[in-house]
Amino acid sequence: MADDVAPCTASAYLDPSYWDERFGKEEHYEWFKDFSHFRHLLVPLLSPSLSVLEVGCGNSRLGEELLREGVAGGITCIDLSPVAVQRMRDRLAEQGTSGVDVVVADMLDLPFESESFDLVIEKGTMDVLFVDSGDPWNPNPTTVDNVMKMLEGIHKVLKPGGIFVSVTFGQPHFRRRFFEAPGFTWSVKWSTFGDGFHYFFYSLQKGKRSAESHGPQDALPAAPSINMFHEELESEDYIFLTNVDELPSGRTGHNTDRTEH
């Protein structure tokens, strides 16, 4: 990560002008690892006929990777930054790549008809909404409202049986309260990947929600006193990491919800 594109503060990620300036300088950056790290989790969900929406594409090459995997039902990549969109269009044109449509759009107000896509994927995009959320157990109302707008839009544009994939640092005890909100009909499963720090790969299938997944065992624990830390280690991803390892025994930590569900 070049120093000239990294923000001074985490809250800068919420400023559209920051992204326009960044994408004007930066050719390529893969948030939360590139496709090769989670290919084994995503490929089983793919088929040639899928129509795919990537939310918050930035300058990622995920769309091209999906093409190489044989997805031919149409890939749409959206980003709020017109700079990112134009640069991706230019890159695809230079490569002679067709089959990827790149559109300026707001993930909080998706401009697509209901039931338009078989697969919706976001990689690190939702995490941006949490950079100024305050207490992760009790996020501020603006964060909650924006996350719910994003999820409601994604749920709307998914076809019945369609799958939403979220690649994130967000642990299940922080994300499930949103994914399992009333009104959503999707099932919620997750896996992890990565060495050292784990990334989470959620797959939510519309219309497959079951009553069994919402019993007493799913109640969120009482909000403890925990610390947040924003640091850069190997990459910029770590600004989104929530440190819950110091929670008292019995509270939910990194090792609690790691297994598939």
Protein backbone atom coordinates (compact mmCIF):
# COMPACT_ATOMS: atom_id res chain seq x y z
CA MET A 1 0.00 0.00 0.00
CA ALA A 2 1.50 3.32 -1.07
CA ASP A 3 1.64 5.95 1.65
CA ASP A 4 0.16 8.55 -0.65
CA VAL A 5 -3.26 6.82 -0.77
CA ALA A 6 -3.65 5.64 2.83
CA PRO A 7 -5.95 7.94 4.85
CA CYS A 8 -4.87 9.87 7.92
CA THR A 9 -7.92 8.65 9.87
CA ALA A 10 -10.35 5.76 9.51
CA SER A 11 -13.29 8.16 9.12
CA ALA A 12 -11.83 9.29 5.78
CA TYR A 13 -13.14 6.04 4.32
CA LEU A 14 -16.66 7.49 4.63
CA ASP A 15 -15.80 10.51 2.44
CA PRO A 16 -16.55 9.97 -1.28
CA SER A 17 -13.94 12.56 -2.24
CA TYR A 18 -11.26 10.45 -0.54
CA TRP A 19 -12.08 7.53 -2.83
CA ASP A 20 -12.10 9.66 -5.97
CA GLU A 21 -8.66 11.00 -5.10
CA ARG A 22 -7.36 7.56 -4.19
CA PHE A 23 -8.65 5.84 -7.31
CA GLY A 24 -7.13 8.59 -9.40
CA LYS A 25 -3.70 7.50 -8.14
CA GLU A 26 -4.04 3.80 -7.42
CA GLU A 27 -4.08 1.15 -10.14
CA HIS A 28 -5.07 -1.90 -8.12
CA TYR A 29 -5.68 -2.95 -4.52
CA GLU A 30 -7.43 -6.04 -3.20
CA TRP A 31 -9.17 -5.58 0.12
CA PHE A 32 -9.27 -8.66 2.36
CA LYS A 33 -7.06 -10.77 0.12
CA ASP A 34 -7.36 -11.54 -3.57
CA PHE A 35 -9.56 -14.19 -5.15
CA SER A 36 -6.97 -16.95 -4.82
CA HIS A 37 -7.32 -16.95 -1.03
CA PHE A 38 -11.06 -17.69 -0.99
CA ARG A 39 -11.49 -19.32 -4.38
CA HIS A 40 -12.11 -22.70 -2.71
CA LEU A 41 -15.12 -21.17 -0.92
CA LEU A 42 -16.61 -19.19 -3.81
CA VAL A 43 -16.18 -21.53 -6.78
CA PRO A 44 -18.67 -24.14 -5.44
CA LEU A 45 -21.31 -21.39 -5.57
CA LEU A 46 -20.63 -20.50 -9.21
CA SER A 47 -22.14 -21.74 -12.46
CA PRO A 48 -21.90 -20.45 -16.05
CA SER A 49 -25.45 -19.08 -16.11
CA LEU A 50 -25.16 -16.89 -13.01
CA SER A 51 -25.89 -13.18 -13.13
CA VAL A 52 -23.56 -11.49 -10.63
CA LEU A 53 -23.47 -8.12 -8.89
CA GLU A 54 -20.26 -6.95 -7.19
CA VAL A 55 -20.95 -4.16 -4.71
CA GLY A 56 -18.14 -1.65 -4.18
CA CYS A 57 -15.75 -2.93 -6.83
CA GLY A 58 -13.18 -0.13 -6.50
CA ASN A 59 -10.14 -1.19 -8.53
CA SER A 60 -10.42 -4.89 -7.68
CA ARG A 61 -10.05 -7.54 -10.38
CA LEU A 62 -12.65 -9.86 -8.92
CA GLY A 63 -14.97 -9.36 -11.88
CA GLU A 64 -12.30 -10.58 -14.29
CA GLU A 65 -11.57 -13.55 -12.01
CA LEU A 66 -15.23 -14.56 -12.14
CA LEU A 67 -15.12 -14.41 -15.94
CA ARG A 68 -12.10 -16.70 -15.91
CA GLU A 69 -14.09 -19.13 -13.76
CA GLY A 70 -16.67 -19.35 -16.53
CA VAL A 71 -19.42 -17.06 -15.22
CA ALA A 72 -21.23 -15.96 -18.36
CA GLY A 73 -24.66 -14.82 -17.20
CA GLY A 74 -23.57 -11.21 -16.87
CA ILE A 75 -21.30 -9.54 -14.29
CA THR A 76 -22.16 -6.06 -13.03
CA CYS A 77 -19.66 -4.15 -10.89
CA ILE A 78 -20.77 -0.99 -9.10
CA ASP A 79 -18.96 1.72 -7.20
CA LEU A 80 -19.93 5.13 -5.88
CA SER A 81 -16.76 6.65 -7.34
CA PRO A 82 -17.02 7.70 -10.99
CA VAL A 83 -13.22 7.76 -11.06
CA ALA A 84 -13.03 4.07 -10.10
CA VAL A 85 -15.73 3.16 -12.60
CA GLN A 86 -14.08 4.97 -15.50
CA ARG A 87 -10.66 3.52 -14.74
CA MET A 88 -12.10 0.01 -14.59
CA ARG A 89 -13.93 0.57 -17.88
CA ASP A 90 -10.68 1.76 -19.44
CA ARG A 91 -8.78 -1.23 -18.10
CA LEU A 92 -11.34 -3.71 -19.40
CA ALA A 93 -11.34 -2.00 -22.81
CA GLU A 94 -7.54 -2.10 -23.01
CA GLN A 95 -7.64 -5.82 -22.19
CA GLY A 96 -10.40 -6.46 -24.70
CA THR A 97 -12.48 -7.93 -21.89
CA SER A 98 -16.23 -8.13 -22.41
CA GLY A 99 -18.94 -9.49 -20.15
CA VAL A 100 -18.37 -7.07 -17.26
CA ASP A 101 -20.60 -4.00 -16.97
CA VAL A 102 -19.23 -1.28 -14.66
CA VAL A 103 -21.74 1.21 -13.27
CA VAL A 104 -21.68 4.23 -10.96
CA ALA A 105 -24.18 3.40 -8.22
CA ASP A 106 -24.77 3.83 -4.51
CA MET A 107 -24.85 0.58 -2.53
CA LEU A 108 -27.38 2.19 -0.18
CA ASP A 109 -29.77 2.81 -3.07
CA LEU A 110 -29.25 0.08 -5.66
CA PRO A 111 -30.70 1.06 -9.08
CA PHE A 112 -31.79 -2.44 -10.09
CA GLU A 113 -35.11 -4.21 -10.35
CA SER A 114 -36.18 -6.76 -7.77
CA GLU A 115 -34.84 -10.28 -8.28
CA SER A 116 -32.21 -9.24 -10.83
CA PHE A 117 -29.16 -11.27 -9.71
CA ASP A 118 -28.29 -14.85 -8.79
CA LEU A 119 -25.23 -13.82 -6.79
CA VAL A 120 -24.30 -10.60 -5.02
CA ILE A 121 -20.81 -10.26 -3.56
CA GLU A 122 -19.09 -7.62 -1.48
CA LYS A 123 -15.50 -7.74 -0.26
CA GLY A 124 -14.67 -5.25 2.46
CA THR A 125 -17.35 -2.81 1.32
CA MET A 126 -19.69 -3.27 4.27
CA ASP A 127 -16.75 -2.92 6.65
CA VAL A 128 -16.37 0.70 5.55
CA LEU A 129 -19.75 1.47 7.10
CA PHE A 130 -18.43 0.37 10.49
CA VAL A 131 -15.28 2.50 10.68
CA ASP A 132 -17.06 5.17 12.73
CA SER A 133 -19.64 2.95 14.41
CA GLY A 134 -18.57 3.38 18.04
CA ASP A 135 -19.22 0.42 20.33
CA PRO A 136 -19.31 -2.68 18.08
CA TRP A 137 -21.91 -4.28 20.36
CA ASN A 138 -24.14 -1.23 20.08
CA PRO A 139 -23.30 0.65 16.85
CA ASN A 140 -24.50 4.19 16.45
CA PRO A 141 -27.89 4.73 14.72
CA THR A 142 -26.34 6.07 11.51
CA THR A 143 -24.24 2.95 11.10
CA VAL A 144 -27.21 0.68 11.79
CA ASP A 145 -29.39 2.57 9.32
CA ASN A 146 -26.78 2.44 6.55
CA VAL A 147 -25.98 -1.23 7.04
CA MET A 148 -29.66 -2.11 6.95
CA LYS A 149 -30.18 -0.04 3.77
CA MET A 150 -27.35 -1.93 2.13
CA LEU A 151 -28.67 -5.34 3.17
CA GLU A 152 -32.29 -4.53 2.28
CA GLY A 153 -31.20 -3.47 -1.19
CA ILE A 154 -29.15 -6.62 -1.69
CA HIS A 155 -31.98 -8.84 -0.44
CA LYS A 156 -34.35 -7.11 -2.86
CA VAL A 157 -32.20 -7.56 -5.97
CA LEU A 158 -31.39 -11.22 -5.26
CA LYS A 159 -33.46 -13.79 -7.08
CA PRO A 160 -35.23 -16.47 -5.02
CA GLY A 161 -32.56 -18.95 -4.04
CA GLY A 162 -29.86 -16.41 -4.87
CA ILE A 163 -26.79 -16.05 -2.69
CA PHE A 164 -25.21 -13.03 -1.05
CA VAL A 165 -21.51 -13.44 -0.28
CA SER A 166 -19.80 -11.12 2.18
CA VAL A 167 -16.02 -11.24 2.65
CA THR A 168 -15.17 -9.35 5.80
CA PHE A 169 -13.32 -9.01 9.08
CA GLY A 170 -16.74 -8.80 10.79
CA GLN A 171 -17.12 -11.67 13.23
CA PRO A 172 -20.44 -13.53 13.46
CA HIS A 173 -21.37 -12.08 16.82
CA PHE A 174 -21.23 -8.61 15.25
CA ARG A 175 -22.73 -9.42 11.85
CA ARG A 176 -25.56 -11.85 12.62
CA ARG A 177 -27.65 -9.18 14.33
CA PHE A 178 -27.86 -7.53 10.91
CA PHE A 179 -27.98 -10.60 8.65
CA GLU A 180 -30.75 -12.22 10.72
CA ALA A 181 -32.92 -9.11 11.10
CA PRO A 182 -36.68 -9.59 10.62
CA GLY A 183 -37.70 -9.37 7.00
CA PHE A 184 -34.72 -11.22 5.59
CA THR A 185 -35.42 -14.71 4.31
CA TRP A 186 -31.85 -15.87 3.78
CA SER A 187 -29.97 -18.56 5.63
CA VAL A 188 -26.66 -17.56 7.20
CA LYS A 189 -23.52 -19.68 6.98
CA TRP A 190 -19.88 -18.77 7.31
CA SER A 191 -16.36 -20.08 6.94
CA THR A 192 -12.97 -18.55 7.64
CA PHE A 193 -9.79 -18.25 5.62
CA GLY A 194 -6.40 -16.67 6.10
CA ASP A 195 -3.40 -17.27 8.33
CA GLY A 196 -2.96 -15.54 11.66
CA PHE A 197 -5.92 -13.17 11.47
CA HIS A 198 -9.02 -14.77 10.04
CA TYR A 199 -11.24 -13.32 7.37
CA PHE A 200 -14.89 -14.37 7.30
CA PHE A 201 -16.68 -15.66 4.22
CA TYR A 202 -20.46 -15.46 4.71
CA SER A 203 -22.92 -17.05 2.31
CA LEU A 204 -26.58 -16.08 2.70
CA GLN A 205 -29.14 -17.88 0.53
CA LYS A 206 -32.43 -16.11 -0.06
CA GLY A 207 -35.54 -18.07 0.87
CA LYS A 208 -33.65 -20.64 2.96
CA ARG A 209 -34.00 -19.16 6.42
CA SER A 210 -35.06 -21.75 9.00
CA ALA A 211 -36.69 -21.35 12.38
CA GLU A 212 -34.01 -23.58 13.89
CA SER A 213 -31.38 -20.92 13.29
CA HIS A 214 -33.05 -18.48 15.65
CA GLY A 215 -33.30 -20.26 18.98
CA PRO A 216 -32.09 -19.09 22.39
CA GLN A 217 -28.52 -20.08 21.56
CA ASP A 218 -28.44 -17.22 19.08
CA ALA A 219 -29.08 -14.48 21.61
CA LEU A 220 -26.32 -11.90 21.63
CA PRO A 221 -24.32 -11.68 24.86
CA ALA A 222 -24.60 -8.60 27.02
CA ALA A 223 -22.35 -5.81 25.84
CA PRO A 224 -18.98 -6.06 27.59
CA SER A 225 -16.33 -3.41 27.81
CA ILE A 226 -13.89 -4.08 24.96
CA ASN A 227 -11.26 -2.22 23.04
CA MET A 228 -11.13 -1.36 19.38
CA PHE A 229 -7.83 -1.00 17.64
CA HIS A 230 -7.02 0.42 14.22
CA GLU A 231 -3.59 -0.55 13.05
CA GLU A 232 -1.75 -1.30 9.85
CA LEU A 233 0.21 -4.53 9.90
CA GLU A 234 0.73 -6.27 6.58
CA SER A 235 -1.91 -4.20 4.83
CA GLU A 236 -4.60 -1.61 5.18
CA ASP A 237 -7.19 -4.30 5.96
CA TYR A 238 -6.32 -4.24 9.63
CA ILE A 239 -7.90 -0.88 10.19
CA PHE A 240 -11.21 -2.78 10.19
CA LEU A 241 -10.21 -5.42 12.73
CA THR A 242 -12.06 -5.50 16.04
CA ASN A 243 -10.00 -6.83 18.94
CA VAL A 244 -12.19 -9.11 21.02
CA ASP A 245 -9.49 -11.47 22.24
CA GLU A 246 -9.47 -9.79 25.64
CA LEU A 247 -13.12 -10.54 26.36
CA PRO A 248 -13.73 -12.46 29.61
CA SER A 249 -13.95 -16.23 29.34
CA GLY A 250 -17.37 -17.22 28.04
CA ARG A 251 -17.77 -14.04 25.98
CA THR A 252 -17.63 -14.36 22.25
CA GLY A 253 -14.11 -14.07 20.84
CA HIS A 254 -12.19 -14.97 17.72
CA ASN A 255 -12.30 -18.69 18.49
CA THR A 256 -16.00 -19.03 19.34
CA ASP A 257 -17.87 -18.75 16.05
CA ARG A 258 -15.18 -19.90 13.70
CA THR A 259 -16.73 -23.16 12.62
CA GLU A 260 -19.15 -23.42 9.74
CA HIS A 261 -22.78 -23.17 10.71
